[in-house]
Amino acid sequence: MAVSPELRDRDEVEFEVLAALADRAEEGMSVLELRAAVDADIDRLEPALGDLKEEGLIDVESNGDSVVLYPAEGVVADPEDLDDDDDPSVLQIIRERFGF
């Protein structure tokens, strides 16, 4: 899954968190799983999570023993809304270059 285009210009750590959560939107991720997925130490990850939570971009659920984070509604891009012209495939590039 992909992060909505309007959220792609965020801080690097915040974007990595959103991208990791978008990939696991249904099941969510624990903070430990996020630390493994995002290339940042806890000192950079914690403020990023706080900012994303404050801005309503992540949802946090606690079930007593653990905390699970999910991307908020609107964070995960709808595949139909993605513009294929912005990111041409390798095949499209070859076709354009050789005039097919």
PDB file of N, CA and C in Angstrom:
ATOM      1  N   MET A   1       0.841  -1.175   0.000  1.00  0.00           N
ATOM      2  CA  MET A   1       0.000   0.000   0.000  1.00  0.00           C
ATOM      3  C   MET A   1       0.887   1.240   0.000  1.00  0.00           C
ATOM      4  N   ALA A   2       0.334   2.320  -0.402  1.00  0.00           N
ATOM      5  CA  ALA A   2       1.086   3.560  -0.499  1.00  0.00           C
ATOM      6  C   ALA A   2       0.452   4.641   0.366  1.00  0.00           C
ATOM      7  N   VAL A   3       1.293   5.562   0.768  1.00  0.00           N
ATOM      8  CA  VAL A   3       0.845   6.711   1.541  1.00  0.00           C
ATOM      9  C   VAL A   3       0.232   7.723   0.573  1.00  0.00           C
ATOM     10  N   SER A   4      -0.828   8.367   0.986  1.00  0.00           N
ATOM     11  CA  SER A   4      -1.479   9.379   0.154  1.00  0.00           C
ATOM     12  C   SER A   4      -0.463  10.422  -0.299  1.00  0.00           C
ATOM     13  N   PRO A   5      -0.555  10.859  -1.544  1.00  0.00           N
ATOM     14  CA  PRO A   5       0.429  11.801  -2.082  1.00  0.00           C
ATOM     15  C   PRO A   5       0.609  13.076  -1.256  1.00  0.00           C
ATOM     16  N   GLU A   6      -0.460  13.585  -0.671  1.00  0.00           N
ATOM     17  CA  GLU A   6      -0.341  14.838   0.085  1.00  0.00           C
ATOM     18  C   GLU A   6       0.445  14.667   1.387  1.00  0.00           C
ATOM     19  N   LEU A   7       0.734  13.439   1.787  1.00  0.00           N
ATOM     20  CA  LEU A   7       1.479  13.204   3.028  1.00  0.00           C
ATOM     21  C   LEU A   7       2.929  12.801   2.774  1.00  0.00           C
ATOM     22  N   ARG A   8       3.353  12.783   1.537  1.00  0.00           N
ATOM     23  CA  ARG A   8       4.684  12.295   1.192  1.00  0.00           C
ATOM     24  C   ARG A   8       5.808  13.288   1.458  1.00  0.00           C
ATOM     25  N   ASP A   9       5.489  14.530   1.739  1.00  0.00           N
ATOM     26  CA  ASP A   9       6.540  15.529   1.963  1.00  0.00           C
ATOM     27  C   ASP A   9       6.812  15.778   3.447  1.00  0.00           C
ATOM     28  N   ARG A  10       6.428  14.857   4.283  1.00  0.00           N
ATOM     29  CA  ARG A  10       6.632  14.985   5.724  1.00  0.00           C
ATOM     30  C   ARG A  10       8.085  14.679   6.084  1.00  0.00           C
ATOM     31  N   ASP A  11       8.430  14.918   7.339  1.00  0.00           N
ATOM     32  CA  ASP A  11       9.732  14.553   7.883  1.00  0.00           C
ATOM     33  C   ASP A  11      10.030  13.094   7.528  1.00  0.00           C
ATOM     34  N   GLU A  12      11.298  12.775   7.295  1.00  0.00           N
ATOM     35  CA  GLU A  12      11.696  11.435   6.852  1.00  0.00           C
ATOM     36  C   GLU A  12      11.201  10.329   7.788  1.00  0.00           C
ATOM     37  N   VAL A  13      11.386  10.501   9.087  1.00  0.00           N
ATOM     38  CA  VAL A  13      10.961   9.471  10.041  1.00  0.00           C
ATOM     39  C   VAL A  13       9.441   9.356  10.054  1.00  0.00           C
ATOM     40  N   GLU A  14       8.744  10.478  10.027  1.00  0.00           N
ATOM     41  CA  GLU A  14       7.278  10.442  10.006  1.00  0.00           C
ATOM     42  C   GLU A  14       6.776   9.735   8.758  1.00  0.00           C
ATOM     43  N   PHE A  15       7.391  10.016   7.604  1.00  0.00           N
ATOM     44  CA  PHE A  15       6.982   9.352   6.377  1.00  0.00           C
ATOM     45  C   PHE A  15       7.237   7.850   6.453  1.00  0.00           C
ATOM     46  N   GLU A  16       8.390   7.442   6.981  1.00  0.00           N
ATOM     47  CA  GLU A  16       8.702   6.021   7.111  1.00  0.00           C
ATOM     48  C   GLU A  16       7.694   5.321   8.020  1.00  0.00           C
ATOM     49  N   VAL A  17       7.282   5.980   9.088  1.00  0.00           N
ATOM     50  CA  VAL A  17       6.272   5.414   9.979  1.00  0.00           C
ATOM     51  C   VAL A  17       4.955   5.239   9.228  1.00  0.00           C
ATOM     52  N   LEU A  18       4.532   6.275   8.515  1.00  0.00           N
ATOM     53  CA  LEU A  18       3.275   6.199   7.763  1.00  0.00           C
ATOM     54  C   LEU A  18       3.342   5.109   6.692  1.00  0.00           C
ATOM     55  N   ALA A  19       4.482   5.003   6.011  1.00  0.00           N
ATOM     56  CA  ALA A  19       4.636   3.980   4.972  1.00  0.00           C
ATOM     57  C   ALA A  19       4.579   2.578   5.572  1.00  0.00           C
ATOM     58  N   ALA A  20       5.250   2.376   6.707  1.00  0.00           N
ATOM     59  CA  ALA A  20       5.224   1.062   7.357  1.00  0.00           C
ATOM     60  C   ALA A  20       3.811   0.717   7.814  1.00  0.00           C
ATOM     61  N   LEU A  21       3.115   1.682   8.392  1.00  0.00           N
ATOM     62  CA  LEU A  21       1.742   1.444   8.834  1.00  0.00           C
ATOM     63  C   LEU A  21       0.804   1.222   7.657  1.00  0.00           C
ATOM     64  N   ALA A  22       1.039   1.916   6.551  1.00  0.00           N
ATOM     65  CA  ALA A  22       0.204   1.723   5.362  1.00  0.00           C
ATOM     66  C   ALA A  22       0.361   0.301   4.826  1.00  0.00           C
ATOM     67  N   ASP A  23       1.573  -0.238   4.910  1.00  0.00           N
ATOM     68  CA  ASP A  23       1.813  -1.606   4.449  1.00  0.00           C
ATOM     69  C   ASP A  23       1.109  -2.639   5.316  1.00  0.00           C
ATOM     70  N   ARG A  24       0.870  -2.295   6.565  1.00  0.00           N
ATOM     71  CA  ARG A  24       0.202  -3.222   7.487  1.00  0.00           C
ATOM     72  C   ARG A  24      -1.041  -2.580   8.071  1.00  0.00           C
ATOM     73  N   ALA A  25      -1.816  -1.941   7.217  1.00  0.00           N
ATOM     74  CA  ALA A  25      -2.980  -1.154   7.649  1.00  0.00           C
ATOM     75  C   ALA A  25      -4.030  -1.990   8.365  1.00  0.00           C
ATOM     76  N   GLU A  26      -4.244  -3.203   7.937  1.00  0.00           N
ATOM     77  CA  GLU A  26      -5.287  -4.045   8.528  1.00  0.00           C
ATOM     78  C   GLU A  26      -4.916  -4.541   9.926  1.00  0.00           C
ATOM     79  N   GLU A  27      -3.695  -5.032  10.093  1.00  0.00           N
ATOM     80  CA  GLU A  27      -3.306  -5.622  11.378  1.00  0.00           C
ATOM     81  C   GLU A  27      -2.608  -4.646  12.314  1.00  0.00           C
ATOM     82  N   GLY A  28      -2.125  -3.519  11.776  1.00  0.00           N
ATOM     83  CA  GLY A  28      -1.443  -2.548  12.617  1.00  0.00           C
ATOM     84  C   GLY A  28      -0.060  -3.030  13.020  1.00  0.00           C
ATOM     85  N   MET A  29       0.626  -2.222  13.796  1.00  0.00           N
ATOM     86  CA  MET A  29       1.981  -2.553  14.236  1.00  0.00           C
ATOM     87  C   MET A  29       2.189  -2.088  15.674  1.00  0.00           C
ATOM     88  N   SER A  30       3.006  -2.833  16.383  1.00  0.00           N
ATOM     89  CA  SER A  30       3.416  -2.400  17.715  1.00  0.00           C
ATOM     90  C   SER A  30       4.585  -1.425  17.552  1.00  0.00           C
ATOM     91  N   VAL A  31       4.930  -0.730  18.613  1.00  0.00           N
ATOM     92  CA  VAL A  31       6.063   0.199  18.569  1.00  0.00           C
ATOM     93  C   VAL A  31       7.343  -0.574  18.276  1.00  0.00           C
ATOM     94  N   LEU A  32       7.462  -1.764  18.826  1.00  0.00           N
ATOM     95  CA  LEU A  32       8.644  -2.596  18.579  1.00  0.00           C
ATOM     96  C   LEU A  32       8.744  -2.966  17.096  1.00  0.00           C
ATOM     97  N   GLU A  33       7.630  -3.315  16.482  1.00  0.00           N
ATOM     98  CA  GLU A  33       7.629  -3.629  15.052  1.00  0.00           C
ATOM     99  C   GLU A  33       7.976  -2.397  14.224  1.00  0.00           C
ATOM    100  N   LEU A  34       7.484  -1.244  14.645  1.00  0.00           N
ATOM    101  CA  LEU A  34       7.818  -0.003  13.945  1.00  0.00           C
ATOM    102  C   LEU A  34       9.305   0.307  14.048  1.00  0.00           C
ATOM    103  N   ARG A  35       9.876   0.090  15.213  1.00  0.00           N
ATOM    104  CA  ARG A  35      11.308   0.331  15.390  1.00  0.00           C
ATOM    105  C   ARG A  35      12.112  -0.537  14.451  1.00  0.00           C
ATOM    106  N   ALA A  36      11.653  -1.766  14.207  1.00  0.00           N
ATOM    107  CA  ALA A  36      12.354  -2.663  13.289  1.00  0.00           C
ATOM    108  C   ALA A  36      12.162  -2.232  11.832  1.00  0.00           C
ATOM    109  N   ALA A  37      11.020  -1.655  11.516  1.00  0.00           N
ATOM    110  CA  ALA A  37      10.704  -1.280  10.137  1.00  0.00           C
ATOM    111  C   ALA A  37      11.250   0.089   9.745  1.00  0.00           C
ATOM    112  N   VAL A  38      11.394   0.977  10.707  1.00  0.00           N
ATOM    113  CA  VAL A  38      11.814   2.353  10.443  1.00  0.00           C
ATOM    114  C   VAL A  38      13.275   2.502  10.841  1.00  0.00           C
ATOM    115  N   ASP A  39      14.034   3.125   9.980  1.00  0.00           N
ATOM    116  CA  ASP A  39      15.456   3.310  10.234  1.00  0.00           C
ATOM    117  C   ASP A  39      15.679   4.542  11.108  1.00  0.00           C
ATOM    118  N   ALA A  40      15.293   4.420  12.378  1.00  0.00           N
ATOM    119  CA  ALA A  40      15.464   5.523  13.327  1.00  0.00           C
ATOM    120  C   ALA A  40      15.513   4.957  14.741  1.00  0.00           C
ATOM    121  N   ASP A  41      16.296   5.618  15.584  1.00  0.00           N
ATOM    122  CA  ASP A  41      16.339   5.179  16.974  1.00  0.00           C
ATOM    123  C   ASP A  41      15.116   5.707  17.714  1.00  0.00           C
ATOM    124  N   ILE A  42      14.927   5.229  18.920  1.00  0.00           N
ATOM    125  CA  ILE A  42      13.726   5.568  19.688  1.00  0.00           C
ATOM    126  C   ILE A  42      13.650   7.073  19.968  1.00  0.00           C
ATOM    127  N   ASP A  43      14.809   7.737  20.067  1.00  0.00           N
ATOM    128  CA  ASP A  43      14.823   9.182  20.326  1.00  0.00           C
ATOM    129  C   ASP A  43      14.265   9.985  19.154  1.00  0.00           C
ATOM    130  N   ARG A  44      14.312   9.445  17.959  1.00  0.00           N
ATOM    131  CA  ARG A  44      13.729  10.107  16.789  1.00  0.00           C
ATOM    132  C   ARG A  44      12.322   9.575  16.503  1.00  0.00           C
ATOM    133  N   LEU A  45      12.097   8.315  16.857  1.00  0.00           N
ATOM    134  CA  LEU A  45      10.803   7.695  16.585  1.00  0.00           C
ATOM    135  C   LEU A  45       9.709   8.232  17.506  1.00  0.00           C
ATOM    136  N   GLU A  46      10.029   8.401  18.775  1.00  0.00           N
ATOM    137  CA  GLU A  46       9.025   8.842  19.754  1.00  0.00           C
ATOM    138  C   GLU A  46       8.423  10.209  19.414  1.00  0.00           C
ATOM    139  N   PRO A  47       9.230  11.238  19.104  1.00  0.00           N
ATOM    140  CA  PRO A  47       8.610  12.521  18.746  1.00  0.00           C
ATOM    141  C   PRO A  47       7.815  12.446  17.437  1.00  0.00           C
ATOM    142  N   ALA A  48       8.277  11.625  16.497  1.00  0.00           N
ATOM    143  CA  ALA A  48       7.546  11.464  15.233  1.00  0.00           C
ATOM    144  C   ALA A  48       6.175  10.864  15.494  1.00  0.00           C
ATOM    145  N   LEU A  49       6.111   9.855  16.347  1.00  0.00           N
ATOM    146  CA  LEU A  49       4.825   9.249  16.694  1.00  0.00           C
ATOM    147  C   LEU A  49       3.917  10.252  17.396  1.00  0.00           C
ATOM    148  N   GLY A  50       4.499  11.046  18.280  1.00  0.00           N
ATOM    149  CA  GLY A  50       3.716  12.070  18.979  1.00  0.00           C
ATOM    150  C   GLY A  50       3.132  13.094  18.016  1.00  0.00           C
ATOM    151  N   ASP A  51       3.946  13.538  17.061  1.00  0.00           N
ATOM    152  CA  ASP A  51       3.467  14.513  16.078  1.00  0.00           C
ATOM    153  C   ASP A  51       2.375  13.919  15.196  1.00  0.00           C
ATOM    154  N   LEU A  52       2.577  12.680  14.742  1.00  0.00           N
ATOM    155  CA  LEU A  52       1.580  12.031  13.887  1.00  0.00           C
ATOM    156  C   LEU A  52       0.273  11.812  14.638  1.00  0.00           C
ATOM    157  N   LYS A  53       0.356  11.456  15.911  1.00  0.00           N
ATOM    158  CA  LYS A  53      -0.845  11.257  16.728  1.00  0.00           C
ATOM    159  C   LYS A  53      -1.568  12.584  16.931  1.00  0.00           C
ATOM    160  N   GLU A  54      -0.804  13.622  17.229  1.00  0.00           N
ATOM    161  CA  GLU A  54      -1.383  14.950  17.462  1.00  0.00           C
ATOM    162  C   GLU A  54      -2.097  15.479  16.210  1.00  0.00           C
ATOM    163  N   GLU A  55      -1.569  15.158  15.050  1.00  0.00           N
ATOM    164  CA  GLU A  55      -2.161  15.621  13.790  1.00  0.00           C
ATOM    165  C   GLU A  55      -3.252  14.692  13.273  1.00  0.00           C
ATOM    166  N   GLY A  56      -3.528  13.627  14.029  1.00  0.00           N
ATOM    167  CA  GLY A  56      -4.605  12.718  13.647  1.00  0.00           C
ATOM    168  C   GLY A  56      -4.273  11.808  12.485  1.00  0.00           C
ATOM    169  N   LEU A  57      -2.993  11.534  12.269  1.00  0.00           N
ATOM    170  CA  LEU A  57      -2.588  10.684  11.150  1.00  0.00           C
ATOM    171  C   LEU A  57      -2.389   9.226  11.537  1.00  0.00           C
ATOM    172  N   ILE A  58      -2.347   8.954  12.836  1.00  0.00           N
ATOM    173  CA  ILE A  58      -2.280   7.568  13.303  1.00  0.00           C
ATOM    174  C   ILE A  58      -3.319   7.370  14.402  1.00  0.00           C
ATOM    175  N   ASP A  59      -3.799   6.145  14.477  1.00  0.00           N
ATOM    176  CA  ASP A  59      -4.714   5.753  15.542  1.00  0.00           C
ATOM    177  C   ASP A  59      -3.984   4.776  16.451  1.00  0.00           C
ATOM    178  N   VAL A  60      -4.186   4.910  17.740  1.00  0.00           N
ATOM    179  CA  VAL A  60      -3.517   4.059  18.718  1.00  0.00           C
ATOM    180  C   VAL A  60      -4.578   3.316  19.506  1.00  0.00           C
ATOM    181  N   GLU A  61      -4.447   1.994  19.549  1.00  0.00           N
ATOM    182  CA  GLU A  61      -5.367   1.161  20.318  1.00  0.00           C
ATOM    183  C   GLU A  61      -4.582   0.384  21.368  1.00  0.00           C
ATOM    184  N   SER A  62      -5.085   0.394  22.574  1.00  0.00           N
ATOM    185  CA  SER A  62      -4.477  -0.354  23.664  1.00  0.00           C
ATOM    186  C   SER A  62      -5.435  -1.438  24.108  1.00  0.00           C
ATOM    187  N   ASN A  63      -4.926  -2.664  24.172  1.00  0.00           N
ATOM    188  CA  ASN A  63      -5.774  -3.765  24.617  1.00  0.00           C
ATOM    189  C   ASN A  63      -5.310  -4.313  25.964  1.00  0.00           C
ATOM    190  N   GLY A  64      -4.754  -3.460  26.771  1.00  0.00           N
ATOM    191  CA  GLY A  64      -4.317  -3.864  28.096  1.00  0.00           C
ATOM    192  C   GLY A  64      -2.837  -4.163  28.149  1.00  0.00           C
ATOM    193  N   ASP A  65      -2.415  -5.201  27.450  1.00  0.00           N
ATOM    194  CA  ASP A  65      -1.015  -5.612  27.482  1.00  0.00           C
ATOM    195  C   ASP A  65      -0.152  -4.963  26.410  1.00  0.00           C
ATOM    196  N   SER A  66      -0.758  -4.584  25.297  1.00  0.00           N
ATOM    197  CA  SER A  66       0.034  -4.032  24.206  1.00  0.00           C
ATOM    198  C   SER A  66      -0.674  -2.860  23.547  1.00  0.00           C
ATOM    199  N   VAL A  67       0.112  -2.112  22.799  1.00  0.00           N
ATOM    200  CA  VAL A  67      -0.391  -0.965  22.060  1.00  0.00           C
ATOM    201  C   VAL A  67      -0.171  -1.247  20.580  1.00  0.00           C
ATOM    202  N   VAL A  68      -1.214  -1.028  19.791  1.00  0.00           N
ATOM    203  CA  VAL A  68      -1.120  -1.249  18.343  1.00  0.00           C
ATOM    204  C   VAL A  68      -1.442   0.060  17.640  1.00  0.00           C
ATOM    205  N   LEU A  69      -0.604   0.406  16.664  1.00  0.00           N
ATOM    206  CA  LEU A  69      -0.777   1.632  15.901  1.00  0.00           C
ATOM    207  C   LEU A  69      -1.292   1.298  14.509  1.00  0.00           C
ATOM    208  N   TYR A  70      -2.193   2.146  14.015  1.00  0.00           N
ATOM    209  CA  TYR A  70      -2.795   1.993  12.695  1.00  0.00           C
ATOM    210  C   TYR A  70      -2.728   3.333  11.976  1.00  0.00           C
ATOM    211  N   PRO A  71      -2.698   3.309  10.649  1.00  0.00           N
ATOM    212  CA  PRO A  71      -2.811   4.581   9.936  1.00  0.00           C
ATOM    213  C   PRO A  71      -4.242   5.091  10.037  1.00  0.00           C
ATOM    214  N   ALA A  72      -4.396   6.379  10.226  1.00  0.00           N
ATOM    215  CA  ALA A  72      -5.735   6.965  10.299  1.00  0.00           C
ATOM    216  C   ALA A  72      -6.364   6.948   8.905  1.00  0.00           C
ATOM    217  N   GLU A  73      -7.677   7.136   8.885  1.00  0.00           N
ATOM    218  CA  GLU A  73      -8.380   7.174   7.614  1.00  0.00           C
ATOM    219  C   GLU A  73      -7.815   8.294   6.742  1.00  0.00           C
ATOM    220  N   GLY A  74      -7.583   8.004   5.499  1.00  0.00           N
ATOM    221  CA  GLY A  74      -7.044   8.979   4.563  1.00  0.00           C
ATOM    222  C   GLY A  74      -5.542   8.925   4.399  1.00  0.00           C
ATOM    223  N   VAL A  75      -4.844   8.183   5.260  1.00  0.00           N
ATOM    224  CA  VAL A  75      -3.389   8.083   5.155  1.00  0.00           C
ATOM    225  C   VAL A  75      -3.003   7.133   4.027  1.00  0.00           C
ATOM    226  N   VAL A  76      -3.704   6.015   3.919  1.00  0.00           N
ATOM    227  CA  VAL A  76      -3.413   5.031   2.880  1.00  0.00           C
ATOM    228  C   VAL A  76      -4.075   5.497   1.591  1.00  0.00           C
ATOM    229  N   ALA A  77      -3.275   5.577   0.533  1.00  0.00           N
ATOM    230  CA  ALA A  77      -3.781   6.051  -0.755  1.00  0.00           C
ATOM    231  C   ALA A  77      -4.712   5.019  -1.374  1.00  0.00           C
ATOM    232  N   ASP A  78      -5.770   5.519  -1.978  1.00  0.00           N
ATOM    233  CA  ASP A  78      -6.670   4.678  -2.748  1.00  0.00           C
ATOM    234  C   ASP A  78      -5.970   4.394  -4.074  1.00  0.00           C
ATOM    235  N   PRO A  79      -5.784   3.117  -4.448  1.00  0.00           N
ATOM    236  CA  PRO A  79      -5.072   2.806  -5.689  1.00  0.00           C
ATOM    237  C   PRO A  79      -5.654   3.499  -6.913  1.00  0.00           C
ATOM    238  N   GLU A  80      -6.932   3.766  -6.915  1.00  0.00           N
ATOM    239  CA  GLU A  80      -7.558   4.448  -8.047  1.00  0.00           C
ATOM    240  C   GLU A  80      -7.183   5.921  -8.108  1.00  0.00           C
ATOM    241  N   ASP A  81      -6.792   6.493  -6.959  1.00  0.00           N
ATOM    242  CA  ASP A  81      -6.439   7.903  -6.913  1.00  0.00           C
ATOM    243  C   ASP A  81      -4.991   8.174  -7.284  1.00  0.00           C
ATOM    244  N   LEU A  82      -4.161   7.126  -7.312  1.00  0.00           N
ATOM    245  CA  LEU A  82      -2.754   7.316  -7.637  1.00  0.00           C
ATOM    246  C   LEU A  82      -2.609   7.618  -9.115  1.00  0.00           C
ATOM    247  N   ASP A  83      -1.794   8.591  -9.446  1.00  0.00           N
ATOM    248  CA  ASP A  83      -1.591   8.997 -10.827  1.00  0.00           C
ATOM    249  C   ASP A  83      -0.402   8.240 -11.400  1.00  0.00           C
ATOM    250  N   ASP A  84      -0.659   7.325 -12.309  1.00  0.00           N
ATOM    251  CA  ASP A  84       0.401   6.517 -12.907  1.00  0.00           C
ATOM    252  C   ASP A  84       1.362   7.349 -13.744  1.00  0.00           C
ATOM    253  N   ASP A  85       0.951   8.525 -14.214  1.00  0.00           N
ATOM    254  CA  ASP A  85       1.806   9.343 -15.050  1.00  0.00           C
ATOM    255  C   ASP A  85       2.980   9.921 -14.269  1.00  0.00           C
ATOM    256  N   ASP A  86       2.852  10.073 -12.959  1.00  0.00           N
ATOM    257  CA  ASP A  86       3.933  10.619 -12.151  1.00  0.00           C
ATOM    258  C   ASP A  86       5.091   9.645 -12.018  1.00  0.00           C
ATOM    259  N   ASP A  87       4.823   8.363 -12.024  1.00  0.00           N
ATOM    260  CA  ASP A  87       5.812   7.326 -11.832  1.00  0.00           C
ATOM    261  C   ASP A  87       5.698   6.313 -12.961  1.00  0.00           C
ATOM    262  N   PRO A  88       6.295   6.569 -14.116  1.00  0.00           N
ATOM    263  CA  PRO A  88       6.142   5.633 -15.217  1.00  0.00           C
ATOM    264  C   PRO A  88       6.860   4.316 -14.930  1.00  0.00           C
ATOM    265  N   SER A  89       6.278   3.239 -15.417  1.00  0.00           N
ATOM    266  CA  SER A  89       6.900   1.937 -15.229  1.00  0.00           C
ATOM    267  C   SER A  89       8.084   1.807 -16.179  1.00  0.00           C
ATOM    268  N   VAL A  90       8.909   0.815 -15.942  1.00  0.00           N
ATOM    269  CA  VAL A  90      10.060   0.560 -16.803  1.00  0.00           C
ATOM    270  C   VAL A  90       9.581   0.293 -18.225  1.00  0.00           C
ATOM    271  N   LEU A  91       8.504  -0.460 -18.346  1.00  0.00           N
ATOM    272  CA  LEU A  91       7.951  -0.763 -19.661  1.00  0.00           C
ATOM    273  C   LEU A  91       7.503   0.514 -20.381  1.00  0.00           C
ATOM    274  N   GLN A  92       6.881   1.438 -19.662  1.00  0.00           N
ATOM    275  CA  GLN A  92       6.453   2.701 -20.263  1.00  0.00           C
ATOM    276  C   GLN A  92       7.656   3.517 -20.732  1.00  0.00           C
ATOM    277  N   ILE A  93       8.719   3.521 -19.963  1.00  0.00           N
ATOM    278  CA  ILE A  93       9.932   4.259 -20.333  1.00  0.00           C
ATOM    279  C   ILE A  93      10.545   3.679 -21.595  1.00  0.00           C
ATOM    280  N   ILE A  94      10.628   2.340 -21.661  1.00  0.00           N
ATOM    281  CA  ILE A  94      11.194   1.677 -22.844  1.00  0.00           C
ATOM    282  C   ILE A  94      10.337   1.967 -24.078  1.00  0.00           C
ATOM    283  N   ARG A  95       9.034   1.883 -23.912  1.00  0.00           N
ATOM    284  CA  ARG A  95       8.133   2.162 -25.045  1.00  0.00           C
ATOM    285  C   ARG A  95       8.319   3.580 -25.565  1.00  0.00           C
ATOM    286  N   GLU A  96       8.419   4.540 -24.651  1.00  0.00           N
ATOM    287  CA  GLU A  96       8.595   5.932 -25.063  1.00  0.00           C
ATOM    288  C   GLU A  96       9.957   6.153 -25.732  1.00  0.00           C
ATOM    289  N   ARG A  97      10.977   5.554 -25.186  1.00  0.00           N
ATOM    290  CA  ARG A  97      12.332   5.750 -25.709  1.00  0.00           C
ATOM    291  C   ARG A  97      12.486   5.173 -27.118  1.00  0.00           C
ATOM    292  N   PHE A  98      11.906   3.993 -27.354  1.00  0.00           N
ATOM    293  CA  PHE A  98      12.049   3.336 -28.645  1.00  0.00           C
ATOM    294  C   PHE A  98      10.858   3.560 -29.567  1.00  0.00           C
ATOM    295  N   GLY A  99       9.902   4.364 -29.140  1.00  0.00           N
ATOM    296  CA  GLY A  99       8.785   4.738 -29.992  1.00  0.00           C
ATOM    297  C   GLY A  99       7.777   3.640 -30.262  1.00  0.00           C
ATOM    298  N   PHE A 100       7.608   2.751 -29.333  1.00  0.00           N
ATOM    299  CA  PHE A 100       6.602   1.665 -29.515  1.00  0.00           C
ATOM    300  C   PHE A 100       5.241   2.121 -29.084  1.00  0.00           C
TER     301      PHE A 100
END
